[in-house]
Amino acid sequence: MDKMGYTYYQAAYKFFEEQQCEKAVENFIMAYDCNICQEEILENLYACFIAPNEADFKKNYEKNRKDLLNIPYEDLEIDFIPVSNSNFYLFHRKSQEFMGSFSLDDSSIMKNDVDFESILIADCWDFRQMLSLIKENTWEIVYILLNEHKSYFASFFKLPRFRELYMNNAIIFENVEIMRMFFEEYSDFYLPKRVFASDNNYSAILTEIHKKRLANSLAKRKNIFLSILIPSYNRGNKALSAIQEICCSVYDSEIEVIVSDNGSDLYAQEYQSIHDIQDSRIRYHRNEYNMGFLENDMVLLDMAKGKYAILSSDEDIMLISNLPYYLNLIKKHGDCGVFCTSGMLGNFGTPEDETVKVHGVKAILSGINTNYATGVGYNMALLRQMKPNI
């Protein structure tokens, strides 16, 4: 008999008699890993720790998995040995192996300050590994793709408060076919831009779905985040260049781009090219006559379907590389009525972390009186409250 293993075995019983449950379980596991009385150790652990809590595990699972998982409780492959209200040791029934421990964090990972971006985590059963990724940012949505790992991952749903603490912003796909159908049918859900997976094929799948979204009509979308508004007059060549740059963006359902041609006499061919672009994000409008700059801006605001809208002159090129920064910035300061920025545009530098918030009438006046319309944005919900026909 292994001397060290037997020492662990004796220590485990001593700690158990002293009601030091965590130390007892730790030593039982170390003895088990040394091939000491394995059958007896499992019988004791199941009888003393797992069986008395089985009803609670089932109750937790049914509550936590609602609308997220369709996996029956009987198919779960990992059992949990509770040594406190928040600390659990994992045991995999099929392989008969202990798999370390997991501690519930009493503080939720969800915060009010939510980022715009989402993440896809694929083919990872171990929630402990997922958690480090989830905590990197306060993701808008965490998409989880399980495939053959579903019965492993689903086991964590046995734990108390698991959904409350970790899954409030999660959407779970049991296989890649369901994920594909979901994103193709529900275009109002934004595609994740960060992918964690050992297989690069998932990025290719998302790119394929992105291209389908660009080719299909998204006219009925109700979840456009940002409308990019381009008033234009007699600069169809520059407006076309600006549109072509924006078309390189990885965003689809998140944005729309509207060009309002203010009755131009020049560059008719370029304006027609904008009209003919086969991209569901692009909308083209032509006024019958030159209405003036301000009225043309109002036409664009009337047309905007986004939660927020930003003006961009037809002679400016938007820096697509900076767009993620500004989408996050707008979301985090979504209570503002008017915002002004310049780093989104090639003519005006790069993003800065400094943010100045101005509220009320002062904000409206600041937007109206700005020297240059490019980079002026609006909270469309607040704007529509002030002008009902917008």
Protein backbone atom coordinates (compact mmCIF):
# COMPACT_ATOMS: atom_id res chain seq x y z
CA MET A 1 0.00 0.00 0.00
CA ASP A 2 1.29 3.47 -0.94
CA LYS A 3 2.53 5.08 2.30
CA MET A 4 1.70 8.64 1.27
CA GLY A 5 -1.71 7.58 0.00
CA TYR A 6 -2.44 5.78 3.24
CA THR A 7 -1.38 8.88 5.19
CA TYR A 8 -3.92 10.93 3.20
CA TYR A 9 -6.55 8.26 3.85
CA GLN A 10 -6.00 8.34 7.63
CA ALA A 11 -5.92 12.15 7.67
CA ALA A 12 -9.20 12.28 5.79
CA TYR A 13 -11.00 10.27 8.47
CA LYS A 14 -9.44 12.39 11.20
CA PHE A 15 -10.63 15.61 9.55
CA PHE A 16 -14.05 14.08 8.94
CA GLU A 17 -14.44 13.23 12.63
CA GLU A 18 -13.48 16.83 13.46
CA GLN A 19 -16.13 18.04 10.96
CA GLN A 20 -13.52 19.76 8.83
CA CYS A 21 -15.29 18.76 5.64
CA GLU A 22 -13.12 20.50 3.08
CA LYS A 23 -9.87 19.10 4.45
CA ALA A 24 -11.47 15.66 4.73
CA VAL A 25 -12.56 15.68 1.09
CA GLU A 26 -9.17 17.01 -0.07
CA ASN A 27 -7.38 14.15 1.65
CA PHE A 28 -9.88 11.55 0.45
CA ILE A 29 -9.25 12.74 -3.12
CA MET A 30 -5.47 12.63 -2.70
CA ALA A 31 -5.75 9.10 -1.30
CA TYR A 32 -8.04 8.16 -4.22
CA ASP A 33 -5.48 9.49 -6.71
CA CYS A 34 -2.89 7.25 -5.03
CA ASN A 35 -5.16 4.22 -5.69
CA ILE A 36 -5.99 3.80 -1.99
CA CYS A 37 -9.40 2.24 -1.19
CA GLN A 38 -11.00 3.93 -4.17
CA GLU A 39 -14.32 2.10 -4.04
CA GLU A 40 -14.73 2.79 -0.33
CA ILE A 41 -13.79 6.46 -0.74
CA LEU A 42 -16.37 6.96 -3.49
CA GLU A 43 -19.05 5.23 -1.46
CA ASN A 44 -18.35 7.50 1.50
CA LEU A 45 -18.23 10.70 -0.55
CA TYR A 46 -21.48 9.90 -2.35
CA ALA A 47 -23.22 8.83 0.84
CA CYS A 48 -22.09 11.81 2.92
CA PHE A 49 -21.93 14.66 0.42
CA ILE A 50 -23.68 13.99 -2.89
CA ALA A 51 -26.76 11.88 -2.09
CA PRO A 52 -28.03 14.19 0.71
CA ASN A 53 -27.88 17.13 -1.72
CA GLU A 54 -29.24 15.37 -4.82
CA ALA A 55 -32.72 16.89 -4.54
CA ASP A 56 -31.24 20.38 -4.30
CA PHE A 57 -28.98 19.72 -7.28
CA LYS A 58 -32.00 18.68 -9.37
CA LYS A 59 -34.01 21.69 -8.23
CA ASN A 60 -31.13 24.03 -9.03
CA TYR A 61 -30.64 22.46 -12.43
CA GLU A 62 -34.27 22.77 -13.52
CA LYS A 63 -34.35 26.40 -12.40
CA ASN A 64 -31.01 27.35 -13.96
CA ARG A 65 -31.47 25.66 -17.32
CA LYS A 66 -34.92 27.07 -18.18
CA ASP A 67 -34.93 28.41 -21.77
CA LEU A 68 -31.19 27.78 -22.03
CA LEU A 69 -30.65 24.01 -22.13
CA ASN A 70 -32.71 20.96 -23.17
CA ILE A 71 -30.39 18.36 -21.65
CA PRO A 72 -32.05 15.93 -19.19
CA TYR A 73 -30.63 15.81 -15.67
CA GLU A 74 -29.86 12.11 -16.08
CA ASP A 75 -27.45 12.85 -18.95
CA LEU A 76 -25.17 15.10 -16.87
CA GLU A 77 -21.71 13.60 -16.45
CA ILE A 78 -20.15 15.56 -13.61
CA ASP A 79 -21.12 15.27 -9.96
CA PHE A 80 -20.31 17.92 -7.38
CA ILE A 81 -19.13 17.34 -3.83
CA PRO A 82 -20.14 20.34 -1.71
CA VAL A 83 -17.75 21.21 1.12
CA SER A 84 -19.33 24.61 1.80
CA ASN A 85 -22.15 26.73 0.42
CA SER A 86 -19.89 27.98 -2.36
CA ASN A 87 -17.06 25.46 -2.85
CA PHE A 88 -17.48 22.20 -4.78
CA TYR A 89 -15.21 19.37 -5.96
CA LEU A 90 -15.86 17.85 -9.38
CA PHE A 91 -16.05 14.11 -10.12
CA HIS A 92 -16.51 12.72 -13.62
CA ARG A 93 -18.56 9.55 -13.42
CA LYS A 94 -17.52 7.90 -16.71
CA SER A 95 -13.78 8.32 -16.30
CA GLN A 96 -13.99 7.93 -12.50
CA GLU A 97 -11.70 10.94 -12.10
CA PHE A 98 -11.69 13.94 -9.81
CA MET A 99 -11.35 17.18 -11.75
CA GLY A 100 -10.41 19.85 -9.22
CA SER A 101 -12.75 22.31 -7.53
CA PHE A 102 -14.94 25.29 -8.32
CA SER A 103 -15.93 28.17 -6.05
CA LEU A 104 -18.99 30.28 -6.69
CA ASP A 105 -18.22 33.98 -6.66
CA ASP A 106 -20.85 35.82 -4.65
CA SER A 107 -20.54 38.91 -6.83
CA SER A 108 -22.29 38.76 -10.20
CA ILE A 109 -20.20 39.31 -13.32
CA MET A 110 -22.97 41.50 -14.77
CA LYS A 111 -22.61 45.25 -14.39
CA ASN A 112 -24.52 48.29 -15.53
CA ASP A 113 -21.57 49.43 -17.63
CA VAL A 114 -21.97 46.88 -20.43
CA ASP A 115 -19.72 46.77 -23.50
CA PHE A 116 -21.16 46.78 -27.00
CA GLU A 117 -19.29 43.69 -28.18
CA SER A 118 -20.22 40.02 -27.71
CA ILE A 119 -18.10 36.87 -27.55
CA LEU A 120 -18.52 33.32 -28.87
CA ILE A 121 -16.94 30.56 -26.76
CA ALA A 122 -16.95 27.24 -28.61
CA ASP A 123 -16.10 23.64 -27.70
CA CYS A 124 -15.15 24.44 -24.11
CA TRP A 125 -16.91 22.38 -21.48
CA ASP A 126 -15.07 23.69 -18.42
CA PHE A 127 -16.87 26.74 -17.09
CA ARG A 128 -13.82 27.59 -14.98
CA GLN A 129 -11.92 28.27 -18.18
CA MET A 130 -14.88 30.15 -19.65
CA LEU A 131 -15.14 32.38 -16.61
CA SER A 132 -11.75 33.97 -17.16
CA LEU A 133 -12.84 34.88 -20.71
CA ILE A 134 -16.22 36.16 -19.58
CA LYS A 135 -14.58 38.42 -17.02
CA GLU A 136 -12.27 40.04 -19.59
CA ASN A 137 -15.10 42.43 -20.52
CA THR A 138 -18.68 43.06 -19.56
CA TRP A 139 -19.94 41.49 -22.78
CA GLU A 140 -23.31 42.42 -24.23
CA ILE A 141 -23.97 38.71 -24.89
CA VAL A 142 -21.91 35.60 -24.23
CA TYR A 143 -22.68 33.00 -26.90
CA ILE A 144 -21.70 29.47 -25.89
CA LEU A 145 -21.43 26.66 -28.45
CA LEU A 146 -21.21 23.22 -26.86
CA ASN A 147 -21.34 20.43 -29.49
CA GLU A 148 -20.17 17.16 -27.91
CA HIS A 149 -19.28 18.89 -24.64
CA LYS A 150 -22.86 19.76 -23.68
CA SER A 151 -23.37 17.18 -20.91
CA TYR A 152 -20.13 18.27 -19.23
CA PHE A 153 -20.86 21.99 -19.32
CA ALA A 154 -24.52 21.57 -18.38
CA SER A 155 -23.47 19.88 -15.14
CA PHE A 156 -22.47 23.28 -13.72
CA PHE A 157 -26.15 24.26 -13.81
CA LYS A 158 -26.64 22.01 -10.77
CA LEU A 159 -24.97 24.63 -8.64
CA PRO A 160 -27.00 27.15 -6.64
CA ARG A 161 -27.33 30.67 -8.11
CA PHE A 162 -25.28 29.62 -11.15
CA ARG A 163 -27.59 31.30 -13.67
CA GLU A 164 -28.04 34.38 -11.49
CA LEU A 165 -24.29 34.85 -11.15
CA TYR A 166 -23.04 33.89 -14.60
CA MET A 167 -25.69 33.22 -17.24
CA ASN A 168 -27.97 36.27 -17.33
CA ASN A 169 -26.44 37.47 -20.61
CA ALA A 170 -25.80 34.01 -22.13
CA ILE A 171 -27.25 32.34 -25.21
CA ILE A 172 -26.32 28.67 -25.51
CA PHE A 173 -26.23 26.58 -28.69
CA GLU A 174 -26.07 22.80 -28.37
CA ASN A 175 -24.53 22.43 -31.83
CA VAL A 176 -23.24 24.50 -34.73
CA GLU A 177 -26.31 23.88 -36.89
CA ILE A 178 -28.56 25.50 -34.28
CA MET A 179 -26.16 28.44 -34.01
CA ARG A 180 -26.16 28.94 -37.77
CA MET A 181 -29.97 28.81 -38.00
CA PHE A 182 -30.32 31.23 -35.09
CA PHE A 183 -28.12 33.93 -36.58
CA GLU A 184 -29.56 33.49 -40.06
CA GLU A 185 -33.16 33.74 -38.83
CA TYR A 186 -32.73 36.39 -36.15
CA SER A 187 -30.68 39.13 -37.75
CA ASP A 188 -31.51 41.52 -34.90
CA PHE A 189 -28.97 39.62 -32.81
CA TYR A 190 -25.52 40.99 -33.51
CA LEU A 191 -22.82 38.55 -34.54
CA PRO A 192 -20.04 38.11 -31.96
CA LYS A 193 -16.80 39.79 -33.00
CA ARG A 194 -14.59 37.91 -30.52
CA VAL A 195 -14.31 34.15 -30.96
CA PHE A 196 -12.59 31.77 -28.55
CA ALA A 197 -12.23 28.32 -30.08
CA SER A 198 -9.52 25.88 -31.06
CA ASP A 199 -11.12 25.57 -34.51
CA ASN A 200 -10.88 28.61 -36.81
CA ASN A 201 -13.85 27.30 -38.75
CA TYR A 202 -16.27 29.18 -36.47
CA SER A 203 -14.89 32.53 -37.58
CA ALA A 204 -15.42 31.42 -41.16
CA ILE A 205 -19.02 30.44 -40.39
CA LEU A 206 -19.71 33.86 -38.83
CA THR A 207 -18.14 35.58 -41.85
CA GLU A 208 -20.41 33.57 -44.13
CA ILE A 209 -23.48 34.60 -42.12
CA HIS A 210 -22.28 38.22 -42.19
CA LYS A 211 -22.14 38.13 -46.00
CA LYS A 212 -25.63 36.64 -46.18
CA ARG A 213 -26.93 39.46 -44.01
CA LEU A 214 -25.41 42.01 -46.35
CA ALA A 215 -27.04 40.35 -49.34
CA ASN A 216 -30.48 39.94 -47.78
CA SER A 217 -32.97 42.69 -47.06
CA LEU A 218 -32.77 43.91 -43.47
CA ALA A 219 -35.42 46.59 -44.00
CA LYS A 220 -37.60 45.27 -41.17
CA ARG A 221 -34.84 45.35 -38.57
CA LYS A 222 -35.82 46.76 -35.20
CA ASN A 223 -32.44 46.66 -33.49
CA ILE A 224 -30.22 49.01 -35.48
CA PHE A 225 -27.84 50.59 -33.01
CA LEU A 226 -26.22 53.35 -35.08
CA SER A 227 -27.44 55.23 -38.14
CA ILE A 228 -24.59 56.87 -40.04
CA LEU A 229 -26.08 59.86 -41.86
CA ILE A 230 -24.30 61.36 -44.86
CA PRO A 231 -25.77 64.59 -46.29
CA SER A 232 -24.37 65.18 -49.75
CA TYR A 233 -24.48 67.81 -52.47
CA ASN A 234 -22.50 67.73 -55.70
CA ARG A 235 -19.84 65.46 -54.18
CA GLY A 236 -21.04 62.06 -55.30
CA ASN A 237 -17.46 60.92 -55.94
CA LYS A 238 -16.44 61.57 -52.33
CA ALA A 239 -19.69 60.21 -50.94
CA LEU A 240 -19.13 56.98 -52.89
CA SER A 241 -15.61 56.66 -51.44
CA ALA A 242 -16.98 57.18 -47.93
CA ILE A 243 -19.64 54.51 -48.50
CA GLN A 244 -17.13 52.02 -49.90
CA GLU A 245 -14.99 52.42 -46.79
CA ILE A 246 -17.93 51.82 -44.46
CA CYS A 247 -18.90 48.75 -46.49
CA CYS A 248 -15.63 47.16 -45.33
CA SER A 249 -16.96 47.14 -41.76
CA VAL A 250 -17.55 43.81 -40.00
CA TYR A 251 -20.83 45.17 -38.65
CA ASP A 252 -24.13 44.36 -40.35
CA SER A 253 -27.30 44.47 -38.24
CA GLU A 254 -25.70 46.99 -35.90
CA ILE A 255 -25.53 49.83 -38.40
CA GLU A 256 -27.23 51.47 -41.33
CA VAL A 257 -25.79 54.11 -43.67
CA ILE A 258 -28.10 56.68 -45.27
CA VAL A 259 -27.03 59.07 -48.00
CA SER A 260 -29.31 61.99 -48.75
CA ASP A 261 -28.47 63.58 -52.10
CA ASN A 262 -29.63 67.19 -51.81
CA GLY A 263 -30.73 67.58 -55.46
CA SER A 264 -27.18 67.43 -56.87
CA ASP A 265 -26.37 68.49 -60.44
CA LEU A 266 -22.94 66.85 -60.53
CA TYR A 267 -21.61 63.27 -60.23
CA ALA A 268 -24.91 61.66 -61.22
CA GLN A 269 -23.13 58.40 -62.09
CA GLU A 270 -21.50 58.16 -58.67
CA TYR A 271 -24.80 58.80 -56.91
CA GLN A 272 -26.39 56.12 -59.07
CA SER A 273 -23.58 53.76 -58.01
CA ILE A 274 -24.46 54.42 -54.37
CA HIS A 275 -28.12 53.72 -55.18
CA ASP A 276 -27.18 50.44 -56.87
CA ILE A 277 -24.89 49.08 -54.12
CA GLN A 278 -26.04 45.59 -53.13
CA ASP A 279 -25.57 45.99 -49.41
CA SER A 280 -28.52 45.82 -47.01
CA ARG A 281 -26.92 48.45 -44.75
CA ILE A 282 -26.94 51.17 -47.43
CA ARG A 283 -29.95 53.40 -48.09
CA TYR A 284 -30.01 56.16 -50.71
CA HIS A 285 -32.40 59.12 -50.89
CA ARG A 286 -32.53 62.02 -53.33
CA ASN A 287 -34.28 65.33 -52.70
CA GLU A 288 -36.01 66.85 -55.74
CA TYR A 289 -34.22 70.14 -55.14
CA ASN A 290 -31.55 71.65 -52.88
CA MET A 291 -33.33 72.08 -49.56
CA GLY A 292 -30.33 73.58 -47.82
CA PHE A 293 -27.92 71.88 -45.43
CA LEU A 294 -30.04 71.99 -42.27
CA GLU A 295 -33.19 70.71 -43.98
CA ASN A 296 -31.23 67.89 -45.57
CA ASP A 297 -29.95 66.91 -42.12
CA MET A 298 -33.54 66.84 -40.90
CA VAL A 299 -34.48 64.54 -43.78
CA LEU A 300 -31.74 62.15 -42.67
CA LEU A 301 -32.84 62.25 -39.04
CA ASP A 302 -36.41 61.53 -40.17
CA MET A 303 -35.18 58.47 -42.07
CA ALA A 304 -32.91 57.11 -39.33
CA LYS A 305 -34.02 53.85 -37.69
CA GLY A 306 -31.10 53.52 -35.28
CA LYS A 307 -31.13 54.04 -31.54
CA TYR A 308 -28.40 56.60 -32.15
CA ALA A 309 -27.45 58.58 -35.24
CA ILE A 310 -24.26 60.33 -36.22
CA LEU A 311 -23.69 62.86 -39.00
CA SER A 312 -20.77 62.48 -41.37
CA SER A 313 -19.99 64.90 -44.18
CA ASP A 314 -19.73 63.38 -47.65
CA GLU A 315 -16.13 64.63 -47.89
CA ASP A 316 -15.00 62.78 -44.76
CA ILE A 317 -13.88 59.16 -44.56
CA MET A 318 -14.90 57.22 -41.47
CA LEU A 319 -12.10 55.23 -39.85
CA ILE A 320 -13.62 51.76 -39.64
CA SER A 321 -10.88 50.67 -37.24
CA ASN A 322 -12.19 53.19 -34.69
CA LEU A 323 -15.85 52.22 -35.03
CA PRO A 324 -15.76 49.54 -32.25
CA TYR A 325 -14.38 52.10 -29.82
CA TYR A 326 -17.17 54.55 -30.54
CA LEU A 327 -19.95 51.96 -30.45
CA ASN A 328 -18.75 51.05 -26.95
CA LEU A 329 -18.46 54.71 -26.00
CA ILE A 330 -21.99 55.50 -27.16
CA LYS A 331 -23.43 52.47 -25.37
CA LYS A 332 -21.69 53.31 -22.11
CA HIS A 333 -22.94 56.90 -22.25
CA GLY A 334 -26.30 56.08 -23.77
CA ASP A 335 -28.16 58.51 -21.52
CA CYS A 336 -26.62 61.48 -23.37
CA GLY A 337 -28.90 63.34 -25.75
CA VAL A 338 -26.17 64.72 -28.03
CA PHE A 339 -22.57 63.62 -28.40
CA CYS A 340 -19.72 65.08 -30.41
CA THR A 341 -16.68 63.13 -31.51
CA SER A 342 -13.98 63.40 -34.13
CA GLY A 343 -11.74 60.35 -33.80
CA MET A 344 -14.12 58.19 -35.84
CA LEU A 345 -13.10 60.12 -38.91
CA GLY A 346 -9.86 60.04 -40.88
CA ASN A 347 -9.51 63.81 -40.95
CA PHE A 348 -9.65 64.19 -37.20
CA GLY A 349 -7.21 61.87 -35.44
CA THR A 350 -7.68 58.86 -33.20
CA PRO A 351 -9.90 57.97 -30.22
CA GLU A 352 -9.17 59.44 -26.84
CA ASP A 353 -10.36 58.13 -23.48
CA GLU A 354 -11.50 61.53 -22.25
CA THR A 355 -15.30 61.87 -22.26
CA VAL A 356 -17.22 65.04 -21.48
CA LYS A 357 -20.93 64.67 -20.77
CA VAL A 358 -23.27 67.62 -21.27
CA HIS A 359 -26.97 67.36 -20.46
CA GLY A 360 -30.26 69.08 -21.24
CA VAL A 361 -30.71 72.18 -23.36
CA LYS A 362 -26.98 72.88 -23.17
CA ALA A 363 -26.36 69.59 -24.97
CA ILE A 364 -28.84 70.36 -27.73
CA LEU A 365 -27.37 73.83 -28.27
CA SER A 366 -23.86 72.40 -28.26
CA GLY A 367 -24.80 70.02 -31.07
CA ILE A 368 -26.61 72.66 -33.12
CA ASN A 369 -23.91 75.30 -32.75
CA THR A 370 -20.92 73.07 -33.42
CA ASN A 371 -18.66 74.47 -36.13
CA TYR A 372 -18.67 71.22 -38.11
CA ALA A 373 -21.51 68.73 -38.37
CA THR A 374 -19.31 65.68 -38.85
CA GLY A 375 -19.12 63.67 -35.64
CA VAL A 376 -22.27 65.14 -34.09
CA GLY A 377 -24.53 62.36 -32.85
CA TYR A 378 -27.99 62.13 -31.38
CA ASN A 379 -29.91 59.87 -29.03
CA MET A 380 -32.83 59.24 -31.36
CA ALA A 381 -35.30 58.21 -28.65
CA LEU A 382 -34.82 61.54 -26.89
CA LEU A 383 -34.90 63.42 -30.17
CA ARG A 384 -38.19 61.78 -31.15
CA GLN A 385 -39.70 62.77 -27.82
CA MET A 386 -38.88 66.38 -28.63
CA LYS A 387 -40.09 66.15 -32.24
CA PRO A 388 -42.73 63.41 -32.56
CA ASN A 389 -42.55 63.10 -36.35
CA ILE A 390 -38.83 62.16 -36.29
